[in-house]
Each structure stands twice: as structure tokens, then as C-alpha cells.
Amino acid sequence: MIFYFQYEKARLERKRIVEMSKGYGKPKVGGPFTLKDTDGNEFTEKDLLGKYTMIYFGFTHCPDICPDELDKMSEAIDIIQTRAPNTLRSIFVSCDPARDTPSVLKAYLLEFHPSLIGLTGTWDQIKNMCKQYRVYFSTPPDAKPNEEDYLVDHSIYFYVMDPEGDFVECIGRQDTPESAAGIVLQHVRDWKKEGKKIDETPLPYLNKVQGVVAASA
């Protein structure tokens, strides 16, 4: 009984924080955007609906922070997929559109996790999405693809969005894969406890994996 009341108290506090994050009287995190995935398909804020989404902003030339954070993200994805299958999609948004072409981004993300959706676009499109998500980035607008001597600085968080596309929480560098997964899983449990629907359609990468297994059998 004590555990139940503690859980309910924590759940209601998370719900209060989520409601406060929806932009009532303060700047909202998230909003309309249009980018392209690594296959050239248009991807907008509407494609975030249905599942929980974890979004990370970075760039492929990042020497250490992005690889470390993507390793953490990949481990968290596997934990979540084991405990709450197909409730999460994970996205990497490039802050360096001049160098991060769809093919470069696709090859880079395959080094981390097959479920990662890479998004890129023009500098203006990236700037717009970063503005919507309150993300700082310093990529020069006139950067050329063959330039190697410019630095990219950016915010370092995983942005967690609920199945309705609303921001619920940030996961920071201090989090471990286990704590990051725990944050998302707790939100998934809260969502289901309130009787809300969540899309649990198998993620596309699982179909590819199953196809490879079937072909080799």
C-alpha cells in the first residue's frame, strides 16, 4: 500500500511537470518542422505522433560527445525495446547540414543502432527546428561541404516527446543508459495507466532484421 501511494505521488508529479511543459504561459519545446530522412523522404512533426520519441541533435564530425551520447542512446533503446517493445522511435537531427548529407548520415548512424532515424535539411530548416526545440547550435550558414575548419557547438540533451507530440522531459549527459531508459519507461507506464493509446506497430528496422534472419535460415 505504501509503495502504491508513493508511485501515485510520483506519477502525479510527472503529470504536473508534463502539463507545465506544454507551453501554457511559457515557451513551448517542440513545434512544426520539415526535414528529410536519409532516404530522401519528407519528415515533419506529424511523423512523431503515435509513439514516444527520443530526439538528439548532433553532427557526424563530432569527435567525442556525439559518439558517447549515441552509444548511450543505443543502449537505452535496447533496454526500452526489451521492456516496452515498439513504443519508442529514436531520431538524430544533424546540426551540420553542409557536411551531413543523407548518405553520410545514414552510414554514420548504422555504426550505432539500426533504429535511429537520421534527419537533415537546409540550414534554414535546421535552424527552424532548433529554434522550436530551444536547441543552441553554432553552424555557420555559409558553410561548404568540403570545409573542415569550422566547429559546431550545440545543446546536449535527449528530448523526449509523448505520442501526441508534446515535450515531456530532457535527458542529460549525467544520465546513464539505464536511467535514460527508466525515464522513458516510466512515462510509457504513466501513459498506459491513464488508458491512452500508443502505437506498438513493430519498428521498421525489426522487419529488416527478421528478413535477413529468414533469408539466412
Protein backbone atom coordinates (compact mmCIF):
# COMPACT_ATOMS: atom_id res chain seq x y z
CA MET A 1 0.00 0.00 0.00
CA ILE A 2 2.80 2.40 0.86
CA PHE A 3 4.51 1.61 -2.45
CA TYR A 4 1.25 2.30 -4.32
CA PHE A 5 0.85 5.74 -2.75
CA GLN A 6 4.50 6.56 -3.43
CA TYR A 7 4.06 5.52 -7.06
CA GLU A 8 0.87 7.57 -7.44
CA LYS A 9 2.50 10.61 -5.87
CA ALA A 10 5.45 10.32 -8.28
CA ARG A 11 3.13 9.75 -11.25
CA LEU A 12 1.03 12.81 -10.46
CA GLU A 13 4.17 14.91 -10.07
CA ARG A 14 5.41 13.73 -13.50
CA LYS A 15 1.99 14.55 -14.96
CA ARG A 16 2.12 18.03 -13.42
CA ILE A 17 5.56 18.65 -14.93
CA VAL A 18 4.41 17.41 -18.34
CA GLU A 19 1.41 19.74 -18.26
CA MET A 20 3.68 22.63 -17.31
CA SER A 21 5.89 21.79 -20.31
CA LYS A 22 3.08 22.18 -22.85
CA GLY A 23 3.61 25.88 -23.27
CA TYR A 24 0.96 27.35 -21.04
CA GLY A 25 2.42 30.76 -20.18
CA LYS A 26 5.98 29.77 -21.13
CA PRO A 27 7.96 29.00 -24.30
CA LYS A 28 6.96 25.61 -25.68
CA VAL A 29 9.52 22.96 -26.62
CA GLY A 30 8.73 21.43 -29.99
CA GLY A 31 6.62 22.56 -32.92
CA PRO A 32 6.26 22.42 -36.72
CA PHE A 33 9.29 21.45 -38.79
CA THR A 34 10.07 19.91 -42.17
CA LEU A 35 13.24 17.90 -42.79
CA LYS A 36 14.22 14.82 -44.82
CA ASP A 37 15.29 11.39 -43.66
CA THR A 38 18.30 9.53 -45.04
CA ASP A 39 16.16 8.02 -47.82
CA GLY A 40 15.06 11.46 -49.02
CA ASN A 41 11.54 11.22 -47.59
CA GLU A 42 9.94 14.28 -46.03
CA PHE A 43 9.69 14.07 -42.24
CA THR A 44 7.59 16.51 -40.20
CA GLU A 45 6.32 16.91 -36.65
CA LYS A 46 3.31 14.77 -37.64
CA ASP A 47 5.64 11.78 -38.01
CA LEU A 48 6.35 11.99 -34.27
CA LEU A 49 2.80 11.02 -33.38
CA GLY A 50 1.74 7.63 -32.05
CA LYS A 51 4.85 6.53 -30.17
CA TYR A 52 7.19 8.12 -27.68
CA THR A 53 10.12 9.79 -29.42
CA MET A 54 13.66 10.46 -28.25
CA ILE A 55 15.43 13.18 -30.25
CA TYR A 56 19.12 14.07 -30.22
CA PHE A 57 20.74 16.97 -32.09
CA GLY A 58 24.36 16.49 -33.19
CA PHE A 59 26.71 16.14 -36.16
CA THR A 60 28.77 13.35 -37.71
CA HIS A 61 32.12 15.17 -37.43
CA CYS A 62 31.74 15.46 -33.66
CA PRO A 63 34.93 13.94 -32.18
CA ASP A 64 33.69 12.60 -28.86
CA ILE A 65 30.47 13.92 -27.29
CA CYS A 66 28.09 12.78 -30.04
CA PRO A 67 29.56 9.26 -30.28
CA ASP A 68 29.40 8.90 -26.50
CA GLU A 69 25.82 10.13 -26.35
CA LEU A 70 24.75 7.94 -29.29
CA ASP A 71 26.30 4.90 -27.61
CA LYS A 72 24.26 5.74 -24.51
CA MET A 73 21.16 6.31 -26.61
CA SER A 74 21.63 2.96 -28.37
CA GLU A 75 21.89 1.08 -25.09
CA ALA A 76 18.80 2.86 -23.77
CA ILE A 77 16.90 1.97 -26.95
CA ASP A 78 17.65 -1.73 -26.44
CA ILE A 79 16.53 -1.61 -22.81
CA ILE A 80 13.27 0.12 -23.75
CA GLN A 81 12.66 -2.25 -26.66
CA THR A 82 13.04 -5.23 -24.31
CA ARG A 83 10.69 -3.86 -21.63
CA ALA A 84 8.17 -1.91 -23.73
CA PRO A 85 8.50 -3.18 -27.32
CA ASN A 86 7.88 -0.80 -30.19
CA THR A 87 6.79 2.14 -28.05
CA LEU A 88 9.76 4.36 -28.92
CA ARG A 89 11.21 5.85 -32.09
CA SER A 90 14.64 7.48 -31.94
CA ILE A 91 15.83 10.40 -34.05
CA PHE A 92 19.17 12.07 -34.75
CA VAL A 93 18.91 15.58 -36.21
CA SER A 94 22.06 16.91 -37.89
CA CYS A 95 23.20 20.40 -36.88
CA ASP A 96 25.71 20.39 -39.75
CA PRO A 97 23.64 20.14 -42.96
CA ALA A 98 26.52 21.20 -45.24
CA ARG A 99 28.60 18.11 -44.44
CA ASP A 100 25.92 15.72 -43.20
CA THR A 101 24.35 14.66 -46.47
CA PRO A 102 21.72 11.87 -46.29
CA SER A 103 24.29 9.24 -47.36
CA VAL A 104 26.89 10.43 -44.83
CA LEU A 105 24.28 10.49 -42.08
CA LYS A 106 22.95 7.05 -42.98
CA ALA A 107 26.40 5.42 -42.88
CA TYR A 108 27.25 7.18 -39.62
CA LEU A 109 24.11 6.12 -37.75
CA LEU A 110 24.48 2.48 -38.80
CA GLU A 111 27.55 2.40 -36.58
CA PHE A 112 25.31 2.93 -33.56
CA HIS A 113 21.80 1.48 -33.84
CA PRO A 114 19.66 0.32 -36.79
CA SER A 115 16.54 2.01 -35.43
CA LEU A 116 18.00 5.53 -35.49
CA ILE A 117 16.23 7.83 -37.94
CA GLY A 118 18.59 10.46 -39.35
CA LEU A 119 17.15 13.84 -40.35
CA THR A 120 18.77 16.69 -42.22
CA GLY A 121 17.79 19.60 -44.45
CA THR A 122 18.84 23.09 -45.41
CA TRP A 123 20.49 25.39 -42.90
CA ASP A 124 17.25 27.36 -42.56
CA GLN A 125 15.23 24.21 -41.94
CA ILE A 126 17.67 23.00 -39.28
CA LYS A 127 17.72 26.45 -37.68
CA ASN A 128 13.91 26.44 -37.54
CA MET A 129 13.73 23.05 -35.83
CA CYS A 130 16.47 24.00 -33.36
CA LYS A 131 14.51 27.15 -32.57
CA GLN A 132 11.36 25.12 -31.99
CA TYR A 133 13.19 22.81 -29.60
CA ARG A 134 15.18 25.58 -27.88
CA VAL A 135 18.41 23.99 -29.14
CA TYR A 136 21.54 26.10 -29.46
CA PHE A 137 23.80 25.45 -32.44
CA SER A 138 26.61 27.48 -33.98
CA THR A 139 26.98 26.10 -37.52
CA PRO A 140 27.82 28.96 -39.93
CA PRO A 141 25.05 29.47 -42.51
CA ASP A 142 27.52 29.74 -45.40
CA ALA A 143 29.49 26.56 -44.60
CA LYS A 144 30.53 24.47 -47.61
CA PRO A 145 30.55 20.64 -47.74
CA ASN A 146 34.33 20.48 -48.31
CA GLU A 147 35.19 22.80 -45.41
CA GLU A 148 36.77 21.10 -42.42
CA ASP A 149 37.92 24.07 -40.34
CA TYR A 150 34.69 25.14 -38.69
CA LEU A 151 33.35 23.97 -35.34
CA VAL A 152 29.79 23.11 -34.43
CA ASP A 153 28.57 23.74 -30.91
CA HIS A 154 25.14 22.52 -29.84
CA SER A 155 22.92 21.59 -26.90
CA ILE A 156 23.48 18.11 -25.46
CA TYR A 157 20.16 16.57 -24.47
CA PHE A 158 17.79 13.81 -25.49
CA TYR A 159 14.36 15.40 -25.94
CA VAL A 160 11.53 13.03 -25.02
CA MET A 161 8.20 13.63 -26.75
CA ASP A 162 4.95 11.82 -25.96
CA PRO A 163 2.64 10.10 -28.53
CA GLU A 164 0.76 13.37 -29.02
CA GLY A 165 3.97 15.17 -29.95
CA ASP A 166 4.26 17.08 -26.68
CA PHE A 167 7.58 17.52 -24.89
CA VAL A 168 7.75 15.67 -21.57
CA GLU A 169 11.36 15.63 -20.39
CA CYS A 170 15.05 16.19 -21.18
CA ILE A 171 17.67 13.53 -20.59
CA GLY A 172 21.12 14.96 -19.93
CA ARG A 173 24.75 13.91 -20.04
CA GLN A 174 24.62 12.91 -16.39
CA ASP A 175 22.18 10.11 -17.20
CA THR A 176 23.28 6.55 -17.82
CA PRO A 177 21.66 4.25 -20.41
CA GLU A 178 19.73 2.66 -17.56
CA SER A 179 18.47 5.93 -16.10
CA ALA A 180 17.65 7.30 -19.56
CA ALA A 181 15.64 4.17 -20.36
CA GLY A 182 13.99 4.33 -16.95
CA ILE A 183 12.75 7.86 -17.61
CA VAL A 184 11.12 6.87 -20.90
CA LEU A 185 9.69 3.64 -19.50
CA GLN A 186 8.11 5.49 -16.59
CA HIS A 187 6.38 7.86 -19.00
CA VAL A 188 5.18 4.89 -21.07
CA ARG A 189 3.73 3.27 -17.95
CA ASP A 190 2.02 6.51 -16.92
CA TRP A 191 0.56 6.90 -20.42
CA LYS A 192 -0.87 3.39 -20.44
CA LYS A 193 -2.14 3.70 -16.87
CA GLU A 194 -4.26 6.66 -17.97
CA GLY A 195 -5.80 4.44 -20.66
CA LYS A 196 -4.27 6.35 -23.55
CA LYS A 197 -3.42 4.57 -26.79
CA ILE A 198 0.11 4.09 -28.01
CA ASP A 199 1.19 2.74 -31.38
CA GLU A 200 3.01 -0.55 -30.85
CA THR A 201 3.43 -1.41 -34.52
CA PRO A 202 6.83 -3.13 -34.96
CA LEU A 203 9.57 -0.67 -35.82
CA PRO A 204 10.73 -0.80 -39.48
CA TYR A 205 14.27 -1.94 -38.64
CA LEU A 206 12.89 -5.09 -36.99
CA ASN A 207 11.25 -6.12 -40.25
CA LYS A 208 14.62 -5.79 -41.99
CA VAL A 209 16.35 -7.83 -39.29
CA GLN A 210 13.69 -10.53 -39.48
CA GLY A 211 14.01 -10.60 -43.27
CA VAL A 212 17.76 -11.13 -43.04
CA VAL A 213 17.28 -13.94 -40.48
CA ALA A 214 14.65 -15.63 -42.63
CA ALA A 215 16.86 -15.39 -45.74
CA SER A 216 19.80 -16.97 -43.95
CA ALA A 217 17.74 -19.79 -42.42
